């Protein structure tokens, strides 16, 4: 059994706990110790899961087990990754048993793949990237570090996503598109042309917000 903490204690973190519990129900793998969170507006929601908030993120340097980052803020996810890496910690990778995984996948450390997600073939994912409920990534895609593929988002084939990119709920990206680092694609957007780094696009077709 792998000792595991989840960094964060909000909704995203509790969704990762759902994945941990589903994995353990299929094959006992993780011994969940609790959450790490500097501040949490609704600690009672963690308590309702019989889960303890062990303390702040500074406790990462004292861990002996593994961790995943249940924080939706992608720049915060990057910072936490750097702290944990400096401490020599190895992140766990969470894959829900109801996810569908194809062939020749390179899934980076700390990645989390939720129920109903579909990854087809020849896909590369960087560190601490999360693929949410019922999202799909098609053939020959590359997704960077610290990304979030939102619920129901769709990446067609040969899409390249930079680091720290967030794809909103139900966003669709056509084949061959390139999305630069730290770009944000709004919910329901249809991306039909390349997206520059550090901008937000939204709409059908997706265009930069001014």
C-alpha atoms as a PDB file:
ATOM      1  CA  UNK A   1       0.000   0.000   0.000  1.00  0.00           C
ATOM      2  CA  UNK A   2       1.193   3.504  -0.874  1.00  0.00           C
ATOM      3  CA  UNK A   3       0.778   6.205   1.778  1.00  0.00           C
ATOM      4  CA  UNK A   4      -0.876   9.174   0.051  1.00  0.00           C
ATOM      5  CA  UNK A   5      -1.838  12.738   0.843  1.00  0.00           C
ATOM      6  CA  UNK A   6      -3.857  15.084  -1.344  1.00  0.00           C
ATOM      7  CA  UNK A   7      -2.661  18.688  -1.439  1.00  0.00           C
ATOM      8  CA  UNK A   8      -5.754  20.866  -1.220  1.00  0.00           C
ATOM      9  CA  UNK A   9      -9.054  20.197   0.483  1.00  0.00           C
ATOM     10  CA  UNK A  10     -11.628  21.881  -1.761  1.00  0.00           C
ATOM     11  CA  UNK A  11     -13.923  20.379  -4.342  1.00  0.00           C
ATOM     12  CA  UNK A  12     -11.151  19.402  -6.736  1.00  0.00           C
ATOM     13  CA  UNK A  13      -9.255  17.615  -3.971  1.00  0.00           C
ATOM     14  CA  UNK A  14     -12.354  15.747  -2.847  1.00  0.00           C
ATOM     15  CA  UNK A  15     -12.936  14.614  -6.414  1.00  0.00           C
ATOM     16  CA  UNK A  16      -9.419  13.156  -6.389  1.00  0.00           C
ATOM     17  CA  UNK A  17     -10.339  11.310  -3.208  1.00  0.00           C
ATOM     18  CA  UNK A  18     -13.230   9.776  -5.169  1.00  0.00           C
ATOM     19  CA  UNK A  19     -10.658   8.444  -7.650  1.00  0.00           C
ATOM     20  CA  UNK A  20      -8.502   7.071  -4.825  1.00  0.00           C
ATOM     21  CA  UNK A  21     -11.506   5.265  -3.362  1.00  0.00           C
ATOM     22  CA  UNK A  22     -12.500   3.849  -6.759  1.00  0.00           C
ATOM     23  CA  UNK A  23      -8.950   2.601  -7.375  1.00  0.00           C
ATOM     24  CA  UNK A  24      -8.862   0.970  -3.952  1.00  0.00           C
ATOM     25  CA  UNK A  25     -12.246  -0.664  -4.502  1.00  0.00           C
ATOM     26  CA  UNK A  26     -10.842  -2.352  -7.609  1.00  0.00           C
ATOM     27  CA  UNK A  27      -7.318  -3.063  -6.324  1.00  0.00           C
ATOM     28  CA  UNK A  28      -6.213  -1.874  -2.864  1.00  0.00           C
ATOM     29  CA  UNK A  29      -3.361   0.491  -3.680  1.00  0.00           C
ATOM     30  CA  UNK A  30      -3.374   3.645  -1.535  1.00  0.00           C
ATOM     31  CA  UNK A  31      -3.509   4.321   2.182  1.00  0.00           C
ATOM     32  CA  UNK A  32      -5.038   7.813   2.278  1.00  0.00           C
ATOM     33  CA  UNK A  33      -3.634   9.855   5.157  1.00  0.00           C
ATOM     34  CA  UNK A  34      -5.517  13.118   4.650  1.00  0.00           C
ATOM     35  CA  UNK A  35      -5.462  16.532   2.990  1.00  0.00           C
ATOM     36  CA  UNK A  36      -2.870  19.302   3.188  1.00  0.00           C
ATOM     37  CA  UNK A  37      -4.341  22.801   2.975  1.00  0.00           C
ATOM     38  CA  UNK A  38      -3.175  26.199   4.215  1.00  0.00           C
ATOM     39  CA  UNK A  39      -6.728  27.558   4.208  1.00  0.00           C
ATOM     40  CA  UNK A  40     -10.026  25.833   3.556  1.00  0.00           C
ATOM     41  CA  UNK A  41     -13.382  27.622   3.537  1.00  0.00           C
ATOM     42  CA  UNK A  42     -15.425  24.465   4.093  1.00  0.00           C
ATOM     43  CA  UNK A  43     -13.472  22.047   6.325  1.00  0.00           C
ATOM     44  CA  UNK A  44     -16.732  20.360   7.278  1.00  0.00           C
ATOM     45  CA  UNK A  45     -16.961  18.945   3.763  1.00  0.00           C
ATOM     46  CA  UNK A  46     -13.708  17.098   4.266  1.00  0.00           C
ATOM     47  CA  UNK A  47     -14.842  15.945   7.691  1.00  0.00           C
ATOM     48  CA  UNK A  48     -18.010  14.547   6.118  1.00  0.00           C
ATOM     49  CA  UNK A  49     -15.742  12.275   4.042  1.00  0.00           C
ATOM     50  CA  UNK A  50     -14.033  11.066   7.235  1.00  0.00           C
ATOM     51  CA  UNK A  51     -10.921  12.817   5.958  1.00  0.00           C
ATOM     52  CA  UNK A  52      -8.542  14.877   8.053  1.00  0.00           C
ATOM     53  CA  UNK A  53      -6.845  18.141   7.123  1.00  0.00           C
ATOM     54  CA  UNK A  54      -3.386  17.294   8.427  1.00  0.00           C
ATOM     55  CA  UNK A  55      -1.995  20.806   8.226  1.00  0.00           C
ATOM     56  CA  UNK A  56      -0.532  23.225   5.722  1.00  0.00           C
ATOM     57  CA  UNK A  57       1.386  22.667   2.518  1.00  0.00           C
ATOM     58  CA  UNK A  58       4.644  23.168   4.453  1.00  0.00           C
ATOM     59  CA  UNK A  59       4.193  19.599   5.720  1.00  0.00           C
ATOM     60  CA  UNK A  60       5.089  18.345   2.251  1.00  0.00           C
ATOM     61  CA  UNK A  61       8.774  18.512   3.178  1.00  0.00           C
ATOM     62  CA  UNK A  62       8.114  16.094   6.062  1.00  0.00           C
ATOM     63  CA  UNK A  63       6.257  13.449   4.073  1.00  0.00           C
ATOM     64  CA  UNK A  64       7.574   9.952   3.585  1.00  0.00           C
ATOM     65  CA  UNK A  65       4.830   8.745   1.242  1.00  0.00           C
ATOM     66  CA  UNK A  66       3.419  10.057  -2.014  1.00  0.00           C
ATOM     67  CA  UNK A  67       1.105  12.901  -2.981  1.00  0.00           C
ATOM     68  CA  UNK A  68      -1.190  14.319  -5.634  1.00  0.00           C
ATOM     69  CA  UNK A  69      -2.171  17.961  -6.081  1.00  0.00           C
ATOM     70  CA  UNK A  70      -5.900  18.616  -5.788  1.00  0.00           C
ATOM     71  CA  UNK A  71      -5.689  22.341  -6.516  1.00  0.00           C
ATOM     72  CA  UNK A  72      -7.493  23.890  -9.476  1.00  0.00           C
ATOM     73  CA  UNK A  73      -5.292  27.008  -9.621  1.00  0.00           C
ATOM     74  CA  UNK A  74      -2.688  25.916 -12.158  1.00  0.00           C
ATOM     75  CA  UNK A  75       0.048  28.342 -11.134  1.00  0.00           C
ATOM     76  CA  UNK A  76      -0.401  27.199  -7.538  1.00  0.00           C
ATOM     77  CA  UNK A  77      -0.145  23.617  -8.799  1.00  0.00           C
ATOM     78  CA  UNK A  78       3.193  24.483 -10.413  1.00  0.00           C
ATOM     79  CA  UNK A  79       4.466  26.079  -7.168  1.00  0.00           C
ATOM     80  CA  UNK A  80       3.431  23.060  -5.099  1.00  0.00           C
ATOM     81  CA  UNK A  81       5.105  20.735  -7.602  1.00  0.00           C
ATOM     82  CA  UNK A  82       8.353  22.677  -7.241  1.00  0.00           C
ATOM     83  CA  UNK A  83       8.205  22.492  -3.420  1.00  0.00           C
ATOM     84  CA  UNK A  84       7.500  18.766  -3.471  1.00  0.00           C
ATOM     85  CA  UNK A  85      10.207  18.075  -6.063  1.00  0.00           C
ATOM     86  CA  UNK A  86      12.763  20.015  -4.012  1.00  0.00           C
ATOM     87  CA  UNK A  87      11.846  17.795  -1.054  1.00  0.00           C
ATOM     88  CA  UNK A  88      12.534  14.725  -3.183  1.00  0.00           C
ATOM     89  CA  UNK A  89       8.942  13.492  -3.212  1.00  0.00           C
ATOM     90  CA  UNK A  90       7.515  11.326  -5.974  1.00  0.00           C
ATOM     91  CA  UNK A  91       3.911  12.085  -6.974  1.00  0.00           C
ATOM     92  CA  UNK A  92       1.334   9.364  -7.436  1.00  0.00           C
ATOM     93  CA  UNK A  93      -0.648   8.971 -10.639  1.00  0.00           C
ATOM     94  CA  UNK A  94      -4.411   8.460 -10.277  1.00  0.00           C
ATOM     95  CA  UNK A  95      -6.429   6.765 -13.015  1.00  0.00           C
ATOM     96  CA  UNK A  96     -10.084   6.025 -12.345  1.00  0.00           C
ATOM     97  CA  UNK A  97     -11.039   2.424 -13.209  1.00  0.00           C
ATOM     98  CA  UNK A  98     -13.821   3.770 -15.441  1.00  0.00           C
ATOM     99  CA  UNK A  99     -11.415   5.771 -17.611  1.00  0.00           C
ATOM    100  CA  UNK A 100     -10.703   4.307 -21.052  1.00  0.00           C
ATOM    101  CA  UNK A 101      -7.010   4.161 -21.948  1.00  0.00           C
ATOM    102  CA  UNK A 102      -5.671   3.250 -25.357  1.00  0.00           C
ATOM    103  CA  UNK A 103      -2.186   2.336 -26.534  1.00  0.00           C
ATOM    104  CA  UNK A 104       1.234   3.987 -26.371  1.00  0.00           C
ATOM    105  CA  UNK A 105       0.391   6.509 -23.668  1.00  0.00           C
ATOM    106  CA  UNK A 106       3.074   8.502 -21.855  1.00  0.00           C
ATOM    107  CA  UNK A 107       1.315   9.749 -18.727  1.00  0.00           C
ATOM    108  CA  UNK A 108       3.501  11.962 -16.546  1.00  0.00           C
ATOM    109  CA  UNK A 109       3.905  11.742 -12.771  1.00  0.00           C
ATOM    110  CA  UNK A 110       1.112  13.272 -10.732  1.00  0.00           C
ATOM    111  CA  UNK A 111      -1.453  13.082 -13.540  1.00  0.00           C
ATOM    112  CA  UNK A 112      -5.053  12.371 -12.564  1.00  0.00           C
ATOM    113  CA  UNK A 113      -7.588  10.918 -14.986  1.00  0.00           C
ATOM    114  CA  UNK A 114     -11.234  10.949 -13.899  1.00  0.00           C
ATOM    115  CA  UNK A 115     -14.168   8.635 -14.538  1.00  0.00           C
ATOM    116  CA  UNK A 116     -15.373   8.475 -18.129  1.00  0.00           C
ATOM    117  CA  UNK A 117     -12.273  10.129 -19.583  1.00  0.00           C
ATOM    118  CA  UNK A 118     -11.013   8.637 -22.847  1.00  0.00           C
ATOM    119  CA  UNK A 119      -7.416   8.705 -24.094  1.00  0.00           C
ATOM    120  CA  UNK A 120      -6.862   6.971 -27.411  1.00  0.00           C
ATOM    121  CA  UNK A 121      -3.322   6.370 -28.767  1.00  0.00           C
ATOM    122  CA  UNK A 122       0.131   7.977 -28.938  1.00  0.00           C
ATOM    123  CA  UNK A 123      -0.590  10.642 -26.323  1.00  0.00           C
ATOM    124  CA  UNK A 124       1.983  12.396 -24.145  1.00  0.00           C
ATOM    125  CA  UNK A 125       0.968  14.165 -20.920  1.00  0.00           C
ATOM    126  CA  UNK A 126       3.270  16.181 -18.681  1.00  0.00           C
ATOM    127  CA  UNK A 127       3.451  16.438 -14.905  1.00  0.00           C
ATOM    128  CA  UNK A 128       0.393  17.017 -12.733  1.00  0.00           C
ATOM    129  CA  UNK A 129      -2.045  17.370 -15.616  1.00  0.00           C
ATOM    130  CA  UNK A 130      -5.653  16.477 -14.831  1.00  0.00           C
ATOM    131  CA  UNK A 131      -8.199  15.115 -17.301  1.00  0.00           C
ATOM    132  CA  UNK A 132     -11.639  15.624 -15.850  1.00  0.00           C
ATOM    133  CA  UNK A 133     -14.886  13.683 -16.038  1.00  0.00           C
ATOM    134  CA  UNK A 134     -15.869  12.507 -19.541  1.00  0.00           C
ATOM    135  CA  UNK A 135     -13.153  14.514 -21.306  1.00  0.00           C
ATOM    136  CA  UNK A 136     -11.407  12.968 -24.307  1.00  0.00           C
ATOM    137  CA  UNK A 137      -7.961  13.264 -25.870  1.00  0.00           C
ATOM    138  CA  UNK A 138      -7.476  11.802 -29.329  1.00  0.00           C
ATOM    139  CA  UNK A 139      -4.472  10.365 -31.156  1.00  0.00           C
ATOM    140  CA  UNK A 140      -1.054  11.989 -31.289  1.00  0.00           C
ATOM    141  CA  UNK A 141      -1.799  14.783 -28.819  1.00  0.00           C
ATOM    142  CA  UNK A 142       0.770  16.371 -26.538  1.00  0.00           C
ATOM    143  CA  UNK A 143      -0.375  18.019 -23.303  1.00  0.00           C
ATOM    144  CA  UNK A 144       2.090  19.925 -21.107  1.00  0.00           C
ATOM    145  CA  UNK A 145       2.669  20.171 -17.369  1.00  0.00           C
ATOM    146  CA  UNK A 146       0.068  21.453 -14.873  1.00  0.00           C
ATOM    147  CA  UNK A 147      -2.812  21.492 -17.356  1.00  0.00           C
ATOM    148  CA  UNK A 148      -6.515  21.015 -16.723  1.00  0.00           C
ATOM    149  CA  UNK A 149      -8.757  19.409 -19.340  1.00  0.00           C
ATOM    150  CA  UNK A 150     -12.233  20.301 -18.074  1.00  0.00           C
ATOM    151  CA  UNK A 151     -15.288  18.043 -17.879  1.00  0.00           C
ATOM    152  CA  UNK A 152     -16.499  17.030 -21.317  1.00  0.00           C
ATOM    153  CA  UNK A 153     -13.710  18.846 -23.170  1.00  0.00           C
ATOM    154  CA  UNK A 154     -12.646  17.312 -26.485  1.00  0.00           C
ATOM    155  CA  UNK A 155      -9.195  17.367 -28.074  1.00  0.00           C
ATOM    156  CA  UNK A 156      -9.097  16.080 -31.645  1.00  0.00           C
ATOM    157  CA  UNK A 157      -5.998  14.435 -33.103  1.00  0.00           C
ATOM    158  CA  UNK A 158      -2.521  15.964 -33.237  1.00  0.00           C
ATOM    159  CA  UNK A 159      -3.289  18.831 -30.858  1.00  0.00           C
ATOM    160  CA  UNK A 160      -0.388  20.374 -28.911  1.00  0.00           C
ATOM    161  CA  UNK A 161      -1.117  21.987 -25.541  1.00  0.00           C
ATOM    162  CA  UNK A 162       1.541  23.980 -23.671  1.00  0.00           C
ATOM    163  CA  UNK A 163       2.184  24.128 -19.935  1.00  0.00           C
ATOM    164  CA  UNK A 164      -0.441  25.485 -17.547  1.00  0.00           C
ATOM    165  CA  UNK A 165      -3.288  25.480 -20.074  1.00  0.00           C
ATOM    166  CA  UNK A 166      -6.886  25.247 -18.876  1.00  0.00           C
ATOM    167  CA  UNK A 167      -9.601  23.948 -21.206  1.00  0.00           C
ATOM    168  CA  UNK A 168     -13.030  24.859 -19.853  1.00  0.00           C
ATOM    169  CA  UNK A 169     -16.063  22.626 -19.582  1.00  0.00           C
ATOM    170  CA  UNK A 170     -17.124  21.291 -22.973  1.00  0.00           C
ATOM    171  CA  UNK A 171     -14.407  23.088 -24.941  1.00  0.00           C
ATOM    172  CA  UNK A 172     -13.611  21.546 -28.338  1.00  0.00           C
ATOM    173  CA  UNK A 173     -10.241  21.775 -30.101  1.00  0.00           C
ATOM    174  CA  UNK A 174     -10.007  20.861 -33.809  1.00  0.00           C
ATOM    175  CA  UNK A 175      -7.191  18.692 -35.222  1.00  0.00           C
ATOM    176  CA  UNK A 176      -3.664  20.065 -35.447  1.00  0.00           C
ATOM    177  CA  UNK A 177      -4.214  23.122 -33.225  1.00  0.00           C
ATOM    178  CA  UNK A 178      -1.417  24.545 -31.037  1.00  0.00           C
ATOM    179  CA  UNK A 179      -2.280  26.220 -27.722  1.00  0.00           C
ATOM    180  CA  UNK A 180       0.483  28.192 -25.983  1.00  0.00           C
ATOM    181  CA  UNK A 181       1.587  28.088 -22.363  1.00  0.00           C
ATOM    182  CA  UNK A 182      -0.830  29.409 -19.718  1.00  0.00           C
ATOM    183  CA  UNK A 183      -3.641  30.062 -22.163  1.00  0.00           C
ATOM    184  CA  UNK A 184      -7.241  29.691 -20.992  1.00  0.00           C
ATOM    185  CA  UNK A 185      -9.961  28.302 -23.242  1.00  0.00           C
ATOM    186  CA  UNK A 186     -13.443  29.208 -22.045  1.00  0.00           C
ATOM    187  CA  UNK A 187     -16.280  26.796 -21.412  1.00  0.00           C
ATOM    188  CA  UNK A 188     -18.004  25.626 -24.582  1.00  0.00           C
ATOM    189  CA  UNK A 189     -15.445  27.276 -26.853  1.00  0.00           C
ATOM    190  CA  UNK A 190     -14.666  25.856 -30.283  1.00  0.00           C
ATOM    191  CA  UNK A 191     -10.962  26.334 -31.027  1.00  0.00           C
ATOM    192  CA  UNK A 192     -10.358  26.373 -34.792  1.00  0.00           C
ATOM    193  CA  UNK A 193      -7.055  28.288 -34.943  1.00  0.00           C
ATOM    194  CA  UNK A 194      -3.859  28.363 -32.880  1.00  0.00           C
ATOM    195  CA  UNK A 195      -3.942  30.139 -29.515  1.00  0.00           C
ATOM    196  CA  UNK A 196      -1.037  32.315 -28.362  1.00  0.00           C
ATOM    197  CA  UNK A 197       0.435  31.945 -24.866  1.00  0.00           C
ATOM    198  CA  UNK A 198      -1.052  33.794 -21.880  1.00  0.00           C
ATOM    199  CA  UNK A 199      -4.369  34.767 -23.426  1.00  0.00           C
ATOM    200  CA  UNK A 200      -7.986  33.813 -22.867  1.00  0.00           C
ATOM    201  CA  UNK A 201     -10.176  32.738 -25.757  1.00  0.00           C
ATOM    202  CA  UNK A 202     -13.895  32.041 -25.747  1.00  0.00           C
ATOM    203  CA  UNK A 203     -16.829  31.601 -28.077  1.00  0.00           C
ATOM    204  CA  UNK A 204     -17.685  29.760 -31.291  1.00  0.00           C
ATOM    205  CA  UNK A 205     -15.310  30.088 -33.012  1.00  0.00           C
ATOM    206  CA  UNK A 206     -12.994  30.921 -30.123  1.00  0.00           C
ATOM    207  CA  UNK A 207     -11.515  34.433 -30.172  1.00  0.00           C
ATOM    208  CA  UNK A 208      -9.323  36.355 -27.721  1.00  0.00           C
ATOM    209  CA  UNK A 209     -11.155  38.304 -25.046  1.00  0.00           C
ATOM    210  CA  UNK A 210     -10.248  41.984 -24.873  1.00  0.00           C
END
